[in-house]
Amino acid sequence: IYKLFEIVLTTDIRTSFTNFSELSDPNADFFIVADSGMKQKFDKFRQNRAFSIIRERTRFIDINELNKLYESTKRWVEHAKILNLPQLQSTM
C-alpha cells in the first residue's frame, strides 16, 4: 500500500477527488491537505456517489497540522534508531 497526497491551496477540492478517482488504485490511500476551512467541502465531496470508490481511502489533513505530523514522525524515527528497531527506521 502506498500513500498519495494532494495539497489544495485553492477552493477547488473537487479536482483532487477527480484526480484520485481516476487513479482508483486499490493499493493506494489518498490524502487531501488543505486549510481547515475546507473540511466541510471535503466532507461534502467525500459523500458524493461519484467518489464512492475512493471514499473509505480518502482522508483530510489540516495543512496547519502537517508540520506537527512531520515533527512527530521525525522523533519516532530517532527513537526507533535508539531502540535498534530496524523495521521502523527510515532514511528521514
N, C-alpha and C. Protein backbone atom coordinates (compact mmCIF):
# COMPACT_ATOMS: atom_id res chain seq x y z
N ILE A 1 0.85 -1.18 0.00
CA ILE A 1 0.00 0.00 0.00
C ILE A 1 0.89 1.24 0.00
N TYR A 2 0.49 2.22 -0.76
CA TYR A 2 1.23 3.47 -0.78
C TYR A 2 0.27 4.63 -0.57
N LYS A 3 0.84 5.78 -0.26
CA LYS A 3 0.07 6.98 0.10
C LYS A 3 0.25 8.06 -0.96
N LEU A 4 -0.85 8.67 -1.36
CA LEU A 4 -0.81 9.78 -2.32
C LEU A 4 -1.38 11.02 -1.64
N PHE A 5 -0.67 12.13 -1.79
CA PHE A 5 -1.08 13.38 -1.17
C PHE A 5 -1.31 14.43 -2.24
N GLU A 6 -2.31 15.27 -2.00
CA GLU A 6 -2.51 16.43 -2.86
C GLU A 6 -2.73 17.63 -1.95
N ILE A 7 -1.93 18.66 -2.19
CA ILE A 7 -2.05 19.91 -1.43
C ILE A 7 -3.02 20.80 -2.19
N VAL A 8 -4.06 21.27 -1.49
CA VAL A 8 -5.08 22.12 -2.12
C VAL A 8 -4.95 23.52 -1.53
N LEU A 9 -4.55 24.45 -2.36
CA LEU A 9 -4.39 25.83 -1.90
C LEU A 9 -5.50 26.73 -2.44
N THR A 10 -6.35 26.19 -3.28
CA THR A 10 -7.49 26.94 -3.82
C THR A 10 -8.77 26.38 -3.22
N THR A 11 -9.88 26.86 -3.66
CA THR A 11 -11.15 26.36 -3.15
C THR A 11 -11.69 25.19 -3.97
N ASP A 12 -10.94 24.73 -4.97
CA ASP A 12 -11.42 23.67 -5.85
C ASP A 12 -10.95 22.29 -5.38
N ILE A 13 -11.61 21.78 -4.36
CA ILE A 13 -11.24 20.48 -3.81
C ILE A 13 -11.77 19.34 -4.69
N ARG A 14 -12.76 19.64 -5.50
CA ARG A 14 -13.33 18.62 -6.38
C ARG A 14 -12.27 18.06 -7.33
N THR A 15 -11.36 18.89 -7.80
CA THR A 15 -10.30 18.43 -8.71
C THR A 15 -9.47 17.33 -8.05
N SER A 16 -9.20 17.48 -6.78
CA SER A 16 -8.44 16.46 -6.05
C SER A 16 -9.18 15.13 -6.03
N PHE A 17 -10.46 15.18 -5.74
CA PHE A 17 -11.25 13.95 -5.74
C PHE A 17 -11.30 13.32 -7.13
N THR A 18 -11.43 14.15 -8.14
CA THR A 18 -11.46 13.65 -9.52
C THR A 18 -10.13 12.98 -9.87
N ASN A 19 -9.03 13.63 -9.52
CA ASN A 19 -7.71 13.06 -9.78
C ASN A 19 -7.55 11.71 -9.09
N PHE A 20 -7.93 11.63 -7.83
CA PHE A 20 -7.80 10.38 -7.09
C PHE A 20 -8.73 9.31 -7.65
N SER A 21 -9.93 9.69 -8.07
CA SER A 21 -10.87 8.73 -8.64
C SER A 21 -10.34 8.14 -9.93
N GLU A 22 -9.69 8.96 -10.72
CA GLU A 22 -9.13 8.47 -11.97
C GLU A 22 -8.03 7.44 -11.71
N LEU A 23 -7.30 7.61 -10.62
CA LEU A 23 -6.28 6.63 -10.26
C LEU A 23 -6.93 5.37 -9.71
N SER A 24 -7.81 5.56 -8.76
CA SER A 24 -8.58 4.50 -8.08
C SER A 24 -7.80 3.19 -7.89
N ASP A 25 -6.55 3.31 -7.56
CA ASP A 25 -5.71 2.14 -7.30
C ASP A 25 -6.12 1.53 -5.96
N PRO A 26 -6.44 0.25 -5.93
CA PRO A 26 -6.88 -0.37 -4.67
C PRO A 26 -5.78 -0.45 -3.61
N ASN A 27 -4.54 -0.22 -4.02
CA ASN A 27 -3.42 -0.26 -3.08
C ASN A 27 -3.01 1.12 -2.59
N ALA A 28 -3.79 2.13 -2.88
CA ALA A 28 -3.43 3.50 -2.52
C ALA A 28 -4.40 4.08 -1.49
N ASP A 29 -3.82 4.84 -0.59
CA ASP A 29 -4.60 5.68 0.32
C ASP A 29 -4.38 7.11 -0.13
N PHE A 30 -5.44 7.92 -0.08
CA PHE A 30 -5.39 9.28 -0.60
C PHE A 30 -5.55 10.29 0.53
N PHE A 31 -4.75 11.34 0.47
CA PHE A 31 -4.80 12.39 1.48
C PHE A 31 -4.91 13.75 0.79
N ILE A 32 -5.89 14.51 1.22
CA ILE A 32 -6.03 15.88 0.74
C ILE A 32 -5.59 16.79 1.88
N VAL A 33 -4.58 17.60 1.61
CA VAL A 33 -4.02 18.51 2.60
C VAL A 33 -4.52 19.91 2.24
N ALA A 34 -5.24 20.53 3.17
CA ALA A 34 -5.83 21.84 2.90
C ALA A 34 -6.07 22.58 4.21
N ASP A 35 -6.43 23.85 4.08
CA ASP A 35 -6.79 24.66 5.23
C ASP A 35 -8.02 24.06 5.91
N SER A 36 -8.08 24.15 7.24
CA SER A 36 -9.20 23.57 7.99
C SER A 36 -10.56 24.10 7.54
N GLY A 37 -10.58 25.30 6.97
CA GLY A 37 -11.84 25.87 6.48
C GLY A 37 -12.42 25.12 5.29
N MET A 38 -11.63 24.23 4.69
CA MET A 38 -12.11 23.46 3.54
C MET A 38 -12.63 22.08 3.93
N LYS A 39 -12.61 21.77 5.23
CA LYS A 39 -13.04 20.45 5.70
C LYS A 39 -14.49 20.16 5.33
N GLN A 40 -15.36 21.14 5.42
CA GLN A 40 -16.77 20.91 5.07
C GLN A 40 -16.92 20.55 3.60
N LYS A 41 -16.18 21.23 2.73
CA LYS A 41 -16.23 20.90 1.30
C LYS A 41 -15.69 19.49 1.07
N PHE A 42 -14.62 19.15 1.77
CA PHE A 42 -14.06 17.81 1.68
C PHE A 42 -15.14 16.77 2.04
N ASP A 43 -15.79 16.98 3.19
CA ASP A 43 -16.82 16.04 3.64
C ASP A 43 -17.95 15.92 2.62
N LYS A 44 -18.35 17.04 2.04
CA LYS A 44 -19.42 17.03 1.04
C LYS A 44 -19.03 16.19 -0.18
N PHE A 45 -17.83 16.44 -0.72
CA PHE A 45 -17.40 15.69 -1.90
C PHE A 45 -17.14 14.23 -1.56
N ARG A 46 -16.65 13.97 -0.38
CA ARG A 46 -16.37 12.58 0.03
C ARG A 46 -17.65 11.76 0.05
N GLN A 47 -18.78 12.39 0.36
CA GLN A 47 -20.06 11.67 0.40
C GLN A 47 -20.72 11.55 -0.98
N ASN A 48 -20.19 12.26 -1.95
CA ASN A 48 -20.75 12.23 -3.31
C ASN A 48 -20.64 10.81 -3.87
N ARG A 49 -21.71 10.34 -4.45
CA ARG A 49 -21.76 8.99 -5.01
C ARG A 49 -20.69 8.77 -6.07
N ALA A 50 -20.33 9.83 -6.79
CA ALA A 50 -19.33 9.71 -7.85
C ALA A 50 -17.96 9.31 -7.31
N PHE A 51 -17.73 9.58 -6.02
CA PHE A 51 -16.44 9.28 -5.43
C PHE A 51 -16.49 8.10 -4.45
N SER A 52 -17.54 7.30 -4.55
CA SER A 52 -17.71 6.19 -3.60
C SER A 52 -16.57 5.18 -3.67
N ILE A 53 -15.96 5.03 -4.83
CA ILE A 53 -14.89 4.04 -5.00
C ILE A 53 -13.65 4.38 -4.16
N ILE A 54 -13.47 5.65 -3.82
CA ILE A 54 -12.30 6.05 -3.03
C ILE A 54 -12.68 6.58 -1.64
N ARG A 55 -13.95 6.62 -1.35
CA ARG A 55 -14.44 7.24 -0.11
C ARG A 55 -13.71 6.75 1.14
N GLU A 56 -13.61 5.46 1.32
CA GLU A 56 -13.03 4.90 2.55
C GLU A 56 -11.51 5.04 2.61
N ARG A 57 -10.90 5.39 1.50
CA ARG A 57 -9.44 5.50 1.46
C ARG A 57 -8.97 6.94 1.33
N THR A 58 -9.88 7.89 1.47
CA THR A 58 -9.54 9.30 1.32
C THR A 58 -9.69 10.01 2.67
N ARG A 59 -8.63 10.71 3.05
CA ARG A 59 -8.60 11.40 4.34
C ARG A 59 -8.22 12.87 4.16
N PHE A 60 -8.59 13.66 5.14
CA PHE A 60 -8.29 15.09 5.15
C PHE A 60 -7.21 15.36 6.19
N ILE A 61 -6.22 16.17 5.83
CA ILE A 61 -5.20 16.63 6.78
C ILE A 61 -5.19 18.15 6.74
N ASP A 62 -5.35 18.74 7.91
CA ASP A 62 -5.26 20.20 8.05
C ASP A 62 -3.82 20.61 7.76
N ILE A 63 -3.65 21.53 6.84
CA ILE A 63 -2.30 21.95 6.44
C ILE A 63 -1.51 22.50 7.63
N ASN A 64 -2.20 23.06 8.61
CA ASN A 64 -1.52 23.59 9.78
C ASN A 64 -1.02 22.47 10.71
N GLU A 65 -1.56 21.29 10.57
CA GLU A 65 -1.13 20.15 11.36
C GLU A 65 0.00 19.37 10.69
N LEU A 66 0.27 19.66 9.44
CA LEU A 66 1.26 18.91 8.69
C LEU A 66 2.65 18.98 9.32
N ASN A 67 3.07 20.14 9.77
CA ASN A 67 4.37 20.27 10.41
C ASN A 67 4.43 19.45 11.69
N LYS A 68 3.34 19.44 12.45
CA LYS A 68 3.31 18.64 13.68
C LYS A 68 3.45 17.15 13.36
N LEU A 69 2.78 16.71 12.30
CA LEU A 69 2.90 15.31 11.89
C LEU A 69 4.34 14.98 11.50
N TYR A 70 4.96 15.88 10.77
CA TYR A 70 6.35 15.67 10.36
C TYR A 70 7.27 15.56 11.58
N GLU A 71 7.14 16.50 12.50
CA GLU A 71 8.00 16.51 13.68
C GLU A 71 7.78 15.26 14.53
N SER A 72 6.55 14.83 14.69
CA SER A 72 6.25 13.61 15.45
C SER A 72 6.89 12.39 14.78
N THR A 73 6.78 12.32 13.48
CA THR A 73 7.36 11.21 12.73
C THR A 73 8.88 11.21 12.85
N LYS A 74 9.45 12.39 12.75
CA LYS A 74 10.90 12.53 12.87
C LYS A 74 11.38 12.03 14.23
N ARG A 75 10.67 12.41 15.30
CA ARG A 75 11.04 11.96 16.65
C ARG A 75 10.89 10.44 16.77
N TRP A 76 9.84 9.90 16.18
CA TRP A 76 9.62 8.45 16.23
C TRP A 76 10.79 7.71 15.56
N VAL A 77 11.23 8.18 14.43
CA VAL A 77 12.34 7.57 13.71
C VAL A 77 13.62 7.64 14.55
N GLU A 78 13.84 8.76 15.19
CA GLU A 78 15.02 8.90 16.04
C GLU A 78 14.98 7.89 17.19
N HIS A 79 13.80 7.70 17.78
CA HIS A 79 13.67 6.73 18.87
C HIS A 79 13.81 5.30 18.36
N ALA A 80 13.34 5.02 17.19
CA ALA A 80 13.49 3.68 16.61
C ALA A 80 14.96 3.35 16.43
N LYS A 81 15.76 4.34 16.06
CA LYS A 81 17.21 4.13 15.92
C LYS A 81 17.84 3.84 17.28
N ILE A 82 17.45 4.61 18.28
CA ILE A 82 18.00 4.42 19.64
C ILE A 82 17.65 3.03 20.16
N LEU A 83 16.42 2.59 19.90
CA LEU A 83 15.96 1.29 20.37
C LEU A 83 16.37 0.14 19.46
N ASN A 84 17.08 0.49 18.38
CA ASN A 84 17.54 -0.51 17.40
C ASN A 84 16.37 -1.32 16.84
N LEU A 85 15.39 -0.61 16.34
CA LEU A 85 14.22 -1.23 15.69
C LEU A 85 14.32 -1.00 14.19
N PRO A 86 15.09 -1.81 13.49
CA PRO A 86 15.35 -1.56 12.06
C PRO A 86 14.10 -1.51 11.20
N GLN A 87 13.08 -2.29 11.55
CA GLN A 87 11.87 -2.28 10.73
C GLN A 87 11.11 -0.96 10.82
N LEU A 88 11.43 -0.14 11.81
CA LEU A 88 10.76 1.15 11.97
C LEU A 88 11.65 2.32 11.61
N GLN A 89 12.89 2.04 11.24
CA GLN A 89 13.81 3.11 10.91
C GLN A 89 13.60 3.58 9.49
N SER A 90 14.04 4.77 9.25
CA SER A 90 13.86 5.40 7.94
C SER A 90 15.12 6.19 7.62
N THR A 91 15.18 6.65 6.39
CA THR A 91 16.30 7.49 5.99
C THR A 91 15.91 8.96 6.10
N MET A 92 14.88 9.25 6.87
CA MET A 92 14.36 10.60 7.04
C MET A 92 15.43 11.54 7.50
